[in-house]
Amino acid sequence: FTIGGVTGIMLSASILDTLLHDTWFVVAHFHYVLSLGSYSGVVIS
């Protein structure tokens, strides 16, 4: 989740987001938060 959060802070800057928008960087970011963070929450539960 920390990896996903740090990349999210990077994407929150509008200049960086303009460069990285609709690239695989965005896919990596939200999968680290949701696919890995939320799924880990399911396993831990």
PDB file of all heavy atoms in Angstrom:
ATOM      1  N   PHE A   1       0.823  -1.198   0.000  1.00  0.00           N
ATOM      2  CA  PHE A   1       0.000   0.000   0.000  1.00  0.00           C
ATOM      3  C   PHE A   1       0.865   1.260   0.000  1.00  0.00           C
ATOM      4  O   PHE A   1       0.506   2.270  -0.632  1.00  0.00           O
ATOM      5  CB  PHE A   1      -0.932   0.004   1.214  1.00  0.00           C
ATOM      6  CG  PHE A   1      -1.772   1.241   1.304  1.00  0.00           C
ATOM      7  CD1 PHE A   1      -2.875   1.397   0.501  1.00  0.00           C
ATOM      8  CD2 PHE A   1      -1.431   2.263   2.180  1.00  0.00           C
ATOM      9  CE1 PHE A   1      -3.648   2.547   0.558  1.00  0.00           C
ATOM     10  CE2 PHE A   1      -2.194   3.415   2.250  1.00  0.00           C
ATOM     11  CZ  PHE A   1      -3.305   3.564   1.438  1.00  0.00           C
ATOM     12  N   THR A   2       2.007   1.222   0.682  1.00  0.00           N
ATOM     13  CA  THR A   2       2.888   2.385   0.716  1.00  0.00           C
ATOM     14  C   THR A   2       3.447   2.684  -0.674  1.00  0.00           C
ATOM     15  O   THR A   2       3.532   3.855  -1.090  1.00  0.00           O
ATOM     16  CB  THR A   2       4.041   2.166   1.710  1.00  0.00           C
ATOM     17  OG1 THR A   2       3.488   1.936   3.011  1.00  0.00           O
ATOM     18  CG2 THR A   2       4.955   3.373   1.763  1.00  0.00           C
ATOM     19  N   ILE A   3       3.808   1.637  -1.426  1.00  0.00           N
ATOM     20  CA  ILE A   3       4.271   1.852  -2.802  1.00  0.00           C
ATOM     21  C   ILE A   3       3.167   2.516  -3.628  1.00  0.00           C
ATOM     22  O   ILE A   3       3.389   3.497  -4.351  1.00  0.00           O
ATOM     23  CB  ILE A   3       4.698   0.522  -3.449  1.00  0.00           C
ATOM     24  CG1 ILE A   3       5.950  -0.025  -2.759  1.00  0.00           C
ATOM     25  CG2 ILE A   3       4.967   0.700  -4.945  1.00  0.00           C
ATOM     26  CD1 ILE A   3       6.338  -1.418  -3.212  1.00  0.00           C
ATOM     27  N   GLY A   4       1.941   1.993  -3.512  1.00  0.00           N
ATOM     28  CA  GLY A   4       0.818   2.601  -4.228  1.00  0.00           C
ATOM     29  C   GLY A   4       0.545   4.025  -3.777  1.00  0.00           C
ATOM     30  O   GLY A   4       0.229   4.901  -4.591  1.00  0.00           O
ATOM     31  N   GLY A   5       0.692   4.297  -2.476  1.00  0.00           N
ATOM     32  CA  GLY A   5       0.460   5.645  -1.970  1.00  0.00           C
ATOM     33  C   GLY A   5       1.504   6.637  -2.443  1.00  0.00           C
ATOM     34  O   GLY A   5       1.183   7.778  -2.811  1.00  0.00           O
ATOM     35  N   VAL A   6       2.781   6.224  -2.458  1.00  0.00           N
ATOM     36  CA  VAL A   6       3.853   7.123  -2.910  1.00  0.00           C
ATOM     37  C   VAL A   6       3.680   7.461  -4.389  1.00  0.00           C
ATOM     38  O   VAL A   6       3.818   8.622  -4.796  1.00  0.00           O
ATOM     39  CB  VAL A   6       5.234   6.476  -2.644  1.00  0.00           C
ATOM     40  CG1 VAL A   6       6.338   7.257  -3.343  1.00  0.00           C
ATOM     41  CG2 VAL A   6       5.503   6.403  -1.149  1.00  0.00           C
ATOM     42  N   THR A   7       3.365   6.452  -5.210  1.00  0.00           N
ATOM     43  CA  THR A   7       3.134   6.741  -6.631  1.00  0.00           C
ATOM     44  C   THR A   7       1.877   7.597  -6.816  1.00  0.00           C
ATOM     45  O   THR A   7       1.796   8.394  -7.756  1.00  0.00           O
ATOM     46  CB  THR A   7       3.004   5.444  -7.444  1.00  0.00           C
ATOM     47  OG1 THR A   7       1.999   4.610  -6.855  1.00  0.00           O
ATOM     48  CG2 THR A   7       4.328   4.692  -7.468  1.00  0.00           C
ATOM     49  N   GLY A   8       0.916   7.466  -5.916  1.00  0.00           N
ATOM     50  CA  GLY A   8      -0.263   8.332  -5.971  1.00  0.00           C
ATOM     51  C   GLY A   8       0.083   9.783  -5.677  1.00  0.00           C
ATOM     52  O   GLY A   8      -0.458  10.701  -6.315  1.00  0.00           O
ATOM     53  N   ILE A   9       0.974  10.012  -4.717  1.00  0.00           N
ATOM     54  CA  ILE A   9       1.429  11.376  -4.442  1.00  0.00           C
ATOM     55  C   ILE A   9       2.137  11.946  -5.670  1.00  0.00           C
ATOM     56  O   ILE A   9       1.989  13.121  -6.017  1.00  0.00           O
ATOM     57  CB  ILE A   9       2.369  11.386  -3.222  1.00  0.00           C
ATOM     58  CG1 ILE A   9       1.607  10.991  -1.953  1.00  0.00           C
ATOM     59  CG2 ILE A   9       3.016  12.749  -3.052  1.00  0.00           C
ATOM     60  CD1 ILE A   9       0.529  11.961  -1.551  1.00  0.00           C
ATOM     61  N   MET A  10       2.915  11.102  -6.368  1.00  0.00           N
ATOM     62  CA  MET A  10       3.574  11.564  -7.591  1.00  0.00           C
ATOM     63  C   MET A  10       2.540  11.991  -8.636  1.00  0.00           C
ATOM     64  O   MET A  10       2.650  13.046  -9.259  1.00  0.00           O
ATOM     65  CB  MET A  10       4.462  10.456  -8.150  1.00  0.00           C
ATOM     66  CG  MET A  10       5.645  10.102  -7.282  1.00  0.00           C
ATOM     67  SD  MET A  10       6.508   8.631  -7.849  1.00  0.00           S
ATOM     68  CE  MET A  10       7.065   9.157  -9.464  1.00  0.00           C
ATOM     69  N   LEU A  11       1.511  11.176  -8.806  1.00  0.00           N
ATOM     70  CA  LEU A  11       0.495  11.478  -9.818  1.00  0.00           C
ATOM     71  C   LEU A  11      -0.402  12.647  -9.414  1.00  0.00           C
ATOM     72  O   LEU A  11      -1.098  13.210 -10.265  1.00  0.00           O
ATOM     73  CB  LEU A  11      -0.365  10.242 -10.082  1.00  0.00           C
ATOM     74  CG  LEU A  11       0.331   9.096 -10.814  1.00  0.00           C
ATOM     75  CD1 LEU A  11      -0.533   7.840 -10.779  1.00  0.00           C
ATOM     76  CD2 LEU A  11       0.632   9.474 -12.262  1.00  0.00           C
ATOM     77  N   SER A  12      -0.400  13.002  -8.123  1.00  0.00           N
ATOM     78  CA  SER A  12      -1.237  14.125  -7.702  1.00  0.00           C
ATOM     79  C   SER A  12      -0.709  15.454  -8.222  1.00  0.00           C
ATOM     80  O   SER A  12      -1.466  16.432  -8.308  1.00  0.00           O
ATOM     81  CB  SER A  12      -1.317  14.169  -6.171  1.00  0.00           C
ATOM     82  OG  SER A  12      -0.048  14.516  -5.617  1.00  0.00           O
ATOM     83  N   ALA A  13       0.578  15.521  -8.566  1.00  0.00           N
ATOM     84  CA  ALA A  13       1.127  16.736  -9.167  1.00  0.00           C
ATOM     85  C   ALA A  13       0.662  16.819 -10.615  1.00  0.00           C
ATOM     86  O   ALA A  13       0.914  15.912 -11.415  1.00  0.00           O
ATOM     87  CB  ALA A  13       2.651  16.721  -9.090  1.00  0.00           C
ATOM     88  N   SER A  14      -0.027  17.898 -10.957  1.00  0.00           N
ATOM     89  CA  SER A  14      -0.651  17.984 -12.275  1.00  0.00           C
ATOM     90  C   SER A  14       0.369  17.915 -13.410  1.00  0.00           C
ATOM     91  O   SER A  14       0.064  17.385 -14.480  1.00  0.00           O
ATOM     92  CB  SER A  14      -1.476  19.274 -12.384  1.00  0.00           C
ATOM     93  OG  SER A  14      -0.661  20.407 -12.132  1.00  0.00           O
ATOM     94  N   ILE A  15       1.584  18.433 -13.179  1.00  0.00           N
ATOM     95  CA  ILE A  15       2.606  18.393 -14.228  1.00  0.00           C
ATOM     96  C   ILE A  15       3.030  16.951 -14.503  1.00  0.00           C
ATOM     97  O   ILE A  15       3.099  16.501 -15.660  1.00  0.00           O
ATOM     98  CB  ILE A  15       3.833  19.238 -13.826  1.00  0.00           C
ATOM     99  CG1 ILE A  15       3.433  20.689 -13.616  1.00  0.00           C
ATOM    100  CG2 ILE A  15       4.910  19.147 -14.901  1.00  0.00           C
ATOM    101  CD1 ILE A  15       2.855  21.362 -14.833  1.00  0.00           C
ATOM    102  N   LEU A  16       3.294  16.193 -13.425  1.00  0.00           N
ATOM    103  CA  LEU A  16       3.682  14.789 -13.600  1.00  0.00           C
ATOM    104  C   LEU A  16       2.536  13.977 -14.173  1.00  0.00           C
ATOM    105  O   LEU A  16       2.736  13.090 -15.000  1.00  0.00           O
ATOM    106  CB  LEU A  16       4.139  14.195 -12.269  1.00  0.00           C
ATOM    107  CG  LEU A  16       5.622  14.328 -11.916  1.00  0.00           C
ATOM    108  CD1 LEU A  16       5.887  13.723 -10.555  1.00  0.00           C
ATOM    109  CD2 LEU A  16       6.482  13.656 -12.974  1.00  0.00           C
ATOM    110  N   ASP A  17       1.316  14.271 -13.710  1.00  0.00           N
ATOM    111  CA  ASP A  17       0.163  13.521 -14.209  1.00  0.00           C
ATOM    112  C   ASP A  17      -0.020  13.739 -15.707  1.00  0.00           C
ATOM    113  O   ASP A  17      -0.418  12.821 -16.429  1.00  0.00           O
ATOM    114  CB  ASP A  17      -1.099  13.957 -13.458  1.00  0.00           C
ATOM    115  CG  ASP A  17      -2.308  13.135 -13.858  1.00  0.00           C
ATOM    116  OD1 ASP A  17      -2.455  12.011 -13.354  1.00  0.00           O
ATOM    117  OD2 ASP A  17      -3.096  13.609 -14.701  1.00  0.00           O
ATOM    118  N   THR A  18       0.276  14.932 -16.175  1.00  0.00           N
ATOM    119  CA  THR A  18       0.168  15.210 -17.610  1.00  0.00           C
ATOM    120  C   THR A  18       1.128  14.325 -18.404  1.00  0.00           C
ATOM    121  O   THR A  18       0.802  13.839 -19.488  1.00  0.00           O
ATOM    122  CB  THR A  18       0.477  16.690 -17.883  1.00  0.00           C
ATOM    123  OG1 THR A  18      -0.437  17.504 -17.133  1.00  0.00           O
ATOM    124  CG2 THR A  18       0.322  17.011 -19.365  1.00  0.00           C
ATOM    125  N   LEU A  19       2.318  14.074 -17.835  1.00  0.00           N
ATOM    126  CA  LEU A  19       3.302  13.238 -18.529  1.00  0.00           C
ATOM    127  C   LEU A  19       2.953  11.752 -18.448  1.00  0.00           C
ATOM    128  O   LEU A  19       3.195  10.994 -19.389  1.00  0.00           O
ATOM    129  CB  LEU A  19       4.695  13.464 -17.934  1.00  0.00           C
ATOM    130  CG  LEU A  19       5.284  14.873 -18.090  1.00  0.00           C
ATOM    131  CD1 LEU A  19       6.574  14.986 -17.313  1.00  0.00           C
ATOM    132  CD2 LEU A  19       5.514  15.189 -19.563  1.00  0.00           C
ATOM    133  N   LEU A  20       2.404  11.338 -17.295  1.00  0.00           N
ATOM    134  CA  LEU A  20       2.185   9.909 -17.045  1.00  0.00           C
ATOM    135  C   LEU A  20       0.741   9.472 -17.274  1.00  0.00           C
ATOM    136  O   LEU A  20       0.429   8.291 -17.125  1.00  0.00           O
ATOM    137  CB  LEU A  20       2.594   9.568 -15.610  1.00  0.00           C
ATOM    138  CG  LEU A  20       4.067   9.792 -15.275  1.00  0.00           C
ATOM    139  CD1 LEU A  20       4.307   9.639 -13.779  1.00  0.00           C
ATOM    140  CD2 LEU A  20       4.954   8.838 -16.059  1.00  0.00           C
ATOM    141  N   HIS A  21      -0.128  10.396 -17.644  1.00  0.00           N
ATOM    142  CA  HIS A  21      -1.544  10.068 -17.823  1.00  0.00           C
ATOM    143  C   HIS A  21      -1.729   9.001 -18.900  1.00  0.00           C
ATOM    144  O   HIS A  21      -1.101   9.048 -19.956  1.00  0.00           O
ATOM    145  CB  HIS A  21      -2.308  11.332 -18.210  1.00  0.00           C
ATOM    146  CG  HIS A  21      -3.794  11.150 -18.241  1.00  0.00           C
ATOM    147  ND1 HIS A  21      -4.563  11.157 -17.107  1.00  0.00           N
ATOM    148  CD2 HIS A  21      -4.650  10.953 -19.275  1.00  0.00           C
ATOM    149  CE1 HIS A  21      -5.830  10.976 -17.440  1.00  0.00           C
ATOM    150  NE2 HIS A  21      -5.918  10.841 -18.742  1.00  0.00           N
ATOM    151  N   ASP A  22      -2.604   8.032 -18.595  1.00  0.00           N
ATOM    152  CA  ASP A  22      -2.924   6.945 -19.524  1.00  0.00           C
ATOM    153  C   ASP A  22      -1.705   6.117 -19.929  1.00  0.00           C
ATOM    154  O   ASP A  22      -1.632   5.597 -21.043  1.00  0.00           O
ATOM    155  CB  ASP A  22      -3.623   7.480 -20.784  1.00  0.00           C
ATOM    156  CG  ASP A  22      -5.136   7.436 -20.650  1.00  0.00           C
ATOM    157  OD1 ASP A  22      -5.621   6.702 -19.764  1.00  0.00           O
ATOM    158  OD2 ASP A  22      -5.826   8.112 -21.423  1.00  0.00           O
ATOM    159  N   THR A  23      -0.738   6.012 -19.006  1.00  0.00           N
ATOM    160  CA  THR A  23       0.380   5.087 -19.220  1.00  0.00           C
ATOM    161  C   THR A  23       0.268   3.959 -18.213  1.00  0.00           C
ATOM    162  O   THR A  23      -0.572   3.973 -17.306  1.00  0.00           O
ATOM    163  CB  THR A  23       1.743   5.790 -19.049  1.00  0.00           C
ATOM    164  OG1 THR A  23       1.901   6.166 -17.674  1.00  0.00           O
ATOM    165  CG2 THR A  23       1.833   7.024 -19.934  1.00  0.00           C
ATOM    166  N   TRP A  24       1.169   2.977 -18.347  1.00  0.00           N
ATOM    167  CA  TRP A  24       1.166   1.836 -17.428  1.00  0.00           C
ATOM    168  C   TRP A  24       1.536   2.238 -15.998  1.00  0.00           C
ATOM    169  O   TRP A  24       1.280   1.484 -15.067  1.00  0.00           O
ATOM    170  CB  TRP A  24       2.127   0.764 -17.939  1.00  0.00           C
ATOM    171  CG  TRP A  24       1.542  -0.067 -19.027  1.00  0.00           C
ATOM    172  CD1 TRP A  24       1.692   0.104 -20.365  1.00  0.00           C
ATOM    173  CD2 TRP A  24       0.692  -1.208 -18.859  1.00  0.00           C
ATOM    174  NE1 TRP A  24       0.992  -0.852 -21.066  1.00  0.00           N
ATOM    175  CE2 TRP A  24       0.369  -1.685 -20.154  1.00  0.00           C
ATOM    176  CE3 TRP A  24       0.171  -1.873 -17.769  1.00  0.00           C
ATOM    177  CZ2 TRP A  24      -0.444  -2.781 -20.370  1.00  0.00           C
ATOM    178  CZ3 TRP A  24      -0.653  -2.970 -17.984  1.00  0.00           C
ATOM    179  CH2 TRP A  24      -0.948  -3.408 -19.272  1.00  0.00           C
ATOM    180  N   PHE A  25       2.129   3.430 -15.814  1.00  0.00           N
ATOM    181  CA  PHE A  25       2.442   3.894 -14.461  1.00  0.00           C
ATOM    182  C   PHE A  25       1.163   4.024 -13.639  1.00  0.00           C
ATOM    183  O   PHE A  25       1.131   3.667 -12.458  1.00  0.00           O
ATOM    184  CB  PHE A  25       3.176   5.236 -14.534  1.00  0.00           C
ATOM    185  CG  PHE A  25       3.790   5.669 -13.237  1.00  0.00           C
ATOM    186  CD1 PHE A  25       5.104   5.339 -12.939  1.00  0.00           C
ATOM    187  CD2 PHE A  25       3.070   6.402 -12.310  1.00  0.00           C
ATOM    188  CE1 PHE A  25       5.681   5.733 -11.742  1.00  0.00           C
ATOM    189  CE2 PHE A  25       3.630   6.794 -11.108  1.00  0.00           C
ATOM    190  CZ  PHE A  25       4.940   6.465 -10.820  1.00  0.00           C
ATOM    191  N   VAL A  26       0.104   4.541 -14.265  1.00  0.00           N
ATOM    192  CA  VAL A  26      -1.176   4.689 -13.577  1.00  0.00           C
ATOM    193  C   VAL A  26      -1.743   3.314 -13.211  1.00  0.00           C
ATOM    194  O   VAL A  26      -2.288   3.109 -12.123  1.00  0.00           O
ATOM    195  CB  VAL A  26      -2.165   5.475 -14.452  1.00  0.00           C
ATOM    196  CG1 VAL A  26      -3.515   5.613 -13.772  1.00  0.00           C
ATOM    197  CG2 VAL A  26      -1.597   6.836 -14.812  1.00  0.00           C
ATOM    198  N   VAL A  27      -1.604   2.346 -14.122  1.00  0.00           N
ATOM    199  CA  VAL A  27      -2.082   0.983 -13.857  1.00  0.00           C
ATOM    200  C   VAL A  27      -1.352   0.392 -12.651  1.00  0.00           C
ATOM    201  O   VAL A  27      -1.966  -0.204 -11.767  1.00  0.00           O
ATOM    202  CB  VAL A  27      -1.889   0.096 -15.105  1.00  0.00           C
ATOM    203  CG1 VAL A  27      -2.321  -1.329 -14.824  1.00  0.00           C
ATOM    204  CG2 VAL A  27      -2.656   0.661 -16.287  1.00  0.00           C
ATOM    205  N   ALA A  28      -0.019   0.583 -12.607  1.00  0.00           N
ATOM    206  CA  ALA A  28       0.757   0.072 -11.477  1.00  0.00           C
ATOM    207  C   ALA A  28       0.304   0.734 -10.181  1.00  0.00           C
ATOM    208  O   ALA A  28       0.138   0.071  -9.145  1.00  0.00           O
ATOM    209  CB  ALA A  28       2.241   0.325 -11.714  1.00  0.00           C
ATOM    210  N   HIS A  29       0.074   2.044 -10.225  1.00  0.00           N
ATOM    211  CA  HIS A  29      -0.332   2.775  -9.008  1.00  0.00           C
ATOM    212  C   HIS A  29      -1.627   2.223  -8.424  1.00  0.00           C
ATOM    213  O   HIS A  29      -1.684   1.836  -7.255  1.00  0.00           O
ATOM    214  CB  HIS A  29      -0.479   4.268  -9.329  1.00  0.00           C
ATOM    215  CG  HIS A  29      -1.422   4.978  -8.415  1.00  0.00           C
ATOM    216  ND1 HIS A  29      -1.169   5.136  -7.065  1.00  0.00           N
ATOM    217  CD2 HIS A  29      -2.634   5.566  -8.639  1.00  0.00           C
ATOM    218  CE1 HIS A  29      -2.174   5.790  -6.506  1.00  0.00           C
ATOM    219  NE2 HIS A  29      -3.076   6.047  -7.436  1.00  0.00           N
ATOM    220  N   PHE A  30      -2.696   2.178  -9.228  1.00  0.00           N
ATOM    221  CA  PHE A  30      -3.966   1.802  -8.616  1.00  0.00           C
ATOM    222  C   PHE A  30      -4.058   0.305  -8.337  1.00  0.00           C
ATOM    223  O   PHE A  30      -4.831  -0.120  -7.479  1.00  0.00           O
ATOM    224  CB  PHE A  30      -5.175   2.338  -9.404  1.00  0.00           C
ATOM    225  CG  PHE A  30      -5.419   1.757 -10.757  1.00  0.00           C
ATOM    226  CD1 PHE A  30      -5.884   0.470 -10.908  1.00  0.00           C
ATOM    227  CD2 PHE A  30      -5.243   2.532 -11.893  1.00  0.00           C
ATOM    228  CE1 PHE A  30      -6.142  -0.060 -12.164  1.00  0.00           C
ATOM    229  CE2 PHE A  30      -5.505   2.022 -13.148  1.00  0.00           C
ATOM    230  CZ  PHE A  30      -5.952   0.715 -13.286  1.00  0.00           C
ATOM    231  N   HIS A  31      -3.255  -0.509  -9.020  1.00  0.00           N
ATOM    232  CA  HIS A  31      -3.257  -1.921  -8.660  1.00  0.00           C
ATOM    233  C   HIS A  31      -2.513  -2.168  -7.349  1.00  0.00           C
ATOM    234  O   HIS A  31      -2.880  -3.069  -6.584  1.00  0.00           O
ATOM    235  CB  HIS A  31      -2.656  -2.766  -9.785  1.00  0.00           C
ATOM    236  CG  HIS A  31      -3.647  -3.097 -10.859  1.00  0.00           C
ATOM    237  ND1 HIS A  31      -3.922  -2.266 -11.913  1.00  0.00           N
ATOM    238  CD2 HIS A  31      -4.452  -4.183 -11.028  1.00  0.00           C
ATOM    239  CE1 HIS A  31      -4.840  -2.816 -12.687  1.00  0.00           C
ATOM    240  NE2 HIS A  31      -5.181  -3.975 -12.169  1.00  0.00           N
ATOM    241  N   TYR A  32      -1.467  -1.400  -7.065  1.00  0.00           N
ATOM    242  CA  TYR A  32      -0.795  -1.549  -5.772  1.00  0.00           C
ATOM    243  C   TYR A  32      -1.715  -1.136  -4.628  1.00  0.00           C
ATOM    244  O   TYR A  32      -1.646  -1.700  -3.541  1.00  0.00           O
ATOM    245  CB  TYR A  32       0.495  -0.724  -5.736  1.00  0.00           C
ATOM    246  CG  TYR A  32       1.719  -1.545  -6.050  1.00  0.00           C
ATOM    247  CD1 TYR A  32       2.229  -1.617  -7.337  1.00  0.00           C
ATOM    248  CD2 TYR A  32       2.363  -2.283  -5.059  1.00  0.00           C
ATOM    249  CE1 TYR A  32       3.336  -2.385  -7.636  1.00  0.00           C
ATOM    250  CE2 TYR A  32       3.469  -3.060  -5.339  1.00  0.00           C
ATOM    251  CZ  TYR A  32       3.962  -3.105  -6.630  1.00  0.00           C
ATOM    252  OH  TYR A  32       5.053  -3.886  -6.916  1.00  0.00           O
ATOM    253  N   VAL A  33      -2.585  -0.158  -4.876  1.00  0.00           N
ATOM    254  CA  VAL A  33      -3.506   0.265  -3.828  1.00  0.00           C
ATOM    255  C   VAL A  33      -4.678  -0.710  -3.696  1.00  0.00           C
ATOM    256  O   VAL A  33      -5.012  -1.174  -2.603  1.00  0.00           O
ATOM    257  CB  VAL A  33      -4.023   1.690  -4.103  1.00  0.00           C
ATOM    258  CG1 VAL A  33      -5.108   2.078  -3.099  1.00  0.00           C
ATOM    259  CG2 VAL A  33      -2.883   2.685  -4.042  1.00  0.00           C
ATOM    260  N   LEU A  34      -5.317  -1.048  -4.830  1.00  0.00           N
ATOM    261  CA  LEU A  34      -6.551  -1.825  -4.793  1.00  0.00           C
ATOM    262  C   LEU A  34      -6.316  -3.318  -4.976  1.00  0.00           C
ATOM    263  O   LEU A  34      -6.658  -4.130  -4.127  1.00  0.00           O
ATOM    264  CB  LEU A  34      -7.517  -1.308  -5.864  1.00  0.00           C
ATOM    265  CG  LEU A  34      -8.041   0.111  -5.647  1.00  0.00           C
ATOM    266  CD1 LEU A  34      -9.014   0.463  -6.742  1.00  0.00           C
ATOM    267  CD2 LEU A  34      -8.701   0.232  -4.293  1.00  0.00           C
ATOM    268  N   SER A  35      -5.715  -3.684  -6.104  1.00  0.00           N
ATOM    269  CA  SER A  35      -5.556  -5.103  -6.383  1.00  0.00           C
ATOM    270  C   SER A  35      -4.721  -5.782  -5.300  1.00  0.00           C
ATOM    271  O   SER A  35      -4.997  -6.913  -4.917  1.00  0.00           O
ATOM    272  CB  SER A  35      -4.890  -5.292  -7.751  1.00  0.00           C
ATOM    273  OG  SER A  35      -4.649  -6.650  -8.009  1.00  0.00           O
ATOM    274  N   LEU A  36      -3.708  -5.077  -4.808  1.00  0.00           N
ATOM    275  CA  LEU A  36      -2.836  -5.684  -3.802  1.00  0.00           C
ATOM    276  C   LEU A  36      -3.244  -5.275  -2.393  1.00  0.00           C
ATOM    277  O   LEU A  36      -3.295  -6.119  -1.492  1.00  0.00           O
ATOM    278  CB  LEU A  36      -1.385  -5.284  -4.077  1.00  0.00           C
ATOM    279  CG  LEU A  36      -0.905  -5.554  -5.510  1.00  0.00           C
ATOM    280  CD1 LEU A  36       0.579  -5.233  -5.643  1.00  0.00           C
ATOM    281  CD2 LEU A  36      -1.166  -6.992  -5.917  1.00  0.00           C
ATOM    282  N   GLY A  37      -3.558  -3.998  -2.179  1.00  0.00           N
ATOM    283  CA  GLY A  37      -3.952  -3.562  -0.849  1.00  0.00           C
ATOM    284  C   GLY A  37      -5.276  -4.168  -0.408  1.00  0.00           C
ATOM    285  O   GLY A  37      -5.369  -4.808   0.641  1.00  0.00           O
ATOM    286  N   SER A  38      -6.316  -3.985  -1.219  1.00  0.00           N
ATOM    287  CA  SER A  38      -7.638  -4.505  -0.833  1.00  0.00           C
ATOM    288  C   SER A  38      -7.652  -6.027  -0.838  1.00  0.00           C
ATOM    289  O   SER A  38      -8.266  -6.654   0.039  1.00  0.00           O
ATOM    290  CB  SER A  38      -8.710  -3.969  -1.782  1.00  0.00           C
ATOM    291  OG  SER A  38      -8.799  -2.577  -1.683  1.00  0.00           O
ATOM    292  N   TYR A  39      -6.991  -6.665  -1.814  1.00  0.00           N
ATOM    293  CA  TYR A  39      -6.957  -8.121  -1.834  1.00  0.00           C
ATOM    294  C   TYR A  39      -6.222  -8.657  -0.607  1.00  0.00           C
ATOM    295  O   TYR A  39      -6.643  -9.658  -0.011  1.00  0.00           O
ATOM    296  CB  TYR A  39      -6.298  -8.628  -3.105  1.00  0.00           C
ATOM    297  CG  TYR A  39      -6.087 -10.130  -3.119  1.00  0.00           C
ATOM    298  CD1 TYR A  39      -7.166 -10.998  -3.272  1.00  0.00           C
ATOM    299  CD2 TYR A  39      -4.823 -10.681  -2.933  1.00  0.00           C
ATOM    300  CE1 TYR A  39      -6.984 -12.376  -3.256  1.00  0.00           C
ATOM    301  CE2 TYR A  39      -4.634 -12.054  -2.919  1.00  0.00           C
ATOM    302  CZ  TYR A  39      -5.719 -12.895  -3.079  1.00  0.00           C
ATOM    303  OH  TYR A  39      -5.539 -14.256  -3.066  1.00  0.00           O
ATOM    304  N   SER A  40      -5.137  -7.997  -0.207  1.00  0.00           N
ATOM    305  CA  SER A  40      -4.452  -8.414   1.025  1.00  0.00           C
ATOM    306  C   SER A  40      -5.388  -8.289   2.216  1.00  0.00           C
ATOM    307  O   SER A  40      -5.356  -9.126   3.128  1.00  0.00           O
ATOM    308  CB  SER A  40      -3.198  -7.567   1.246  1.00  0.00           C
ATOM    309  OG  SER A  40      -2.245  -7.792   0.232  1.00  0.00           O
ATOM    310  N   GLY A  41      -6.242  -7.241   2.214  1.00  0.00           N
ATOM    311  CA  GLY A  41      -7.230  -7.113   3.280  1.00  0.00           C
ATOM    312  C   GLY A  41      -8.203  -8.280   3.307  1.00  0.00           C
ATOM    313  O   GLY A  41      -8.603  -8.749   4.376  1.00  0.00           O
ATOM    314  N   VAL A  42      -8.591  -8.774   2.125  1.00  0.00           N
ATOM    315  CA  VAL A  42      -9.472  -9.949   2.051  1.00  0.00           C
ATOM    316  C   VAL A  42      -8.779 -11.167   2.658  1.00  0.00           C
ATOM    317  O   VAL A  42      -9.355 -11.900   3.484  1.00  0.00           O
ATOM    318  CB  VAL A  42      -9.871 -10.233   0.589  1.00  0.00           C
ATOM    319  CG1 VAL A  42     -10.584 -11.582   0.468  1.00  0.00           C
ATOM    320  CG2 VAL A  42     -10.754  -9.122   0.045  1.00  0.00           C
ATOM    321  N   VAL A  43      -7.512 -11.404   2.272  1.00  0.00           N
ATOM    322  CA  VAL A  43      -6.772 -12.565   2.783  1.00  0.00           C
ATOM    323  C   VAL A  43      -6.601 -12.463   4.296  1.00  0.00           C
ATOM    324  O   VAL A  43      -6.817 -13.442   5.030  1.00  0.00           O
ATOM    325  CB  VAL A  43      -5.409 -12.680   2.084  1.00  0.00           C
ATOM    326  CG1 VAL A  43      -4.570 -13.785   2.721  1.00  0.00           C
ATOM    327  CG2 VAL A  43      -5.584 -12.954   0.593  1.00  0.00           C
ATOM    328  N   ILE A  44      -6.223 -11.280   4.790  1.00  0.00           N
ATOM    329  CA  ILE A  44      -6.015 -11.091   6.234  1.00  0.00           C
ATOM    330  C   ILE A  44      -7.316 -11.319   6.990  1.00  0.00           C
ATOM    331  O   ILE A  44      -7.323 -11.916   8.074  1.00  0.00           O
ATOM    332  CB  ILE A  44      -5.441  -9.695   6.503  1.00  0.00           C
ATOM    333  CG1 ILE A  44      -4.011  -9.596   5.943  1.00  0.00           C
ATOM    334  CG2 ILE A  44      -5.443  -9.369   7.986  1.00  0.00           C
ATOM    335  CD1 ILE A  44      -3.471  -8.195   5.866  1.00  0.00           C
ATOM    336  N   SER A  45      -8.440 -10.857   6.416  1.00  0.00           N
ATOM    337  CA  SER A  45      -9.743 -11.081   7.070  1.00  0.00           C
ATOM    338  C   SER A  45     -10.036 -12.565   7.190  1.00  0.00           C
ATOM    339  O   SER A  45     -10.505 -13.035   8.238  1.00  0.00           O
ATOM    340  CB  SER A  45     -10.850 -10.386   6.263  1.00  0.00           C
ATOM    341  OG  SER A  45     -10.642  -9.003   6.185  1.00  0.00           O
TER     342      SER A  45
END
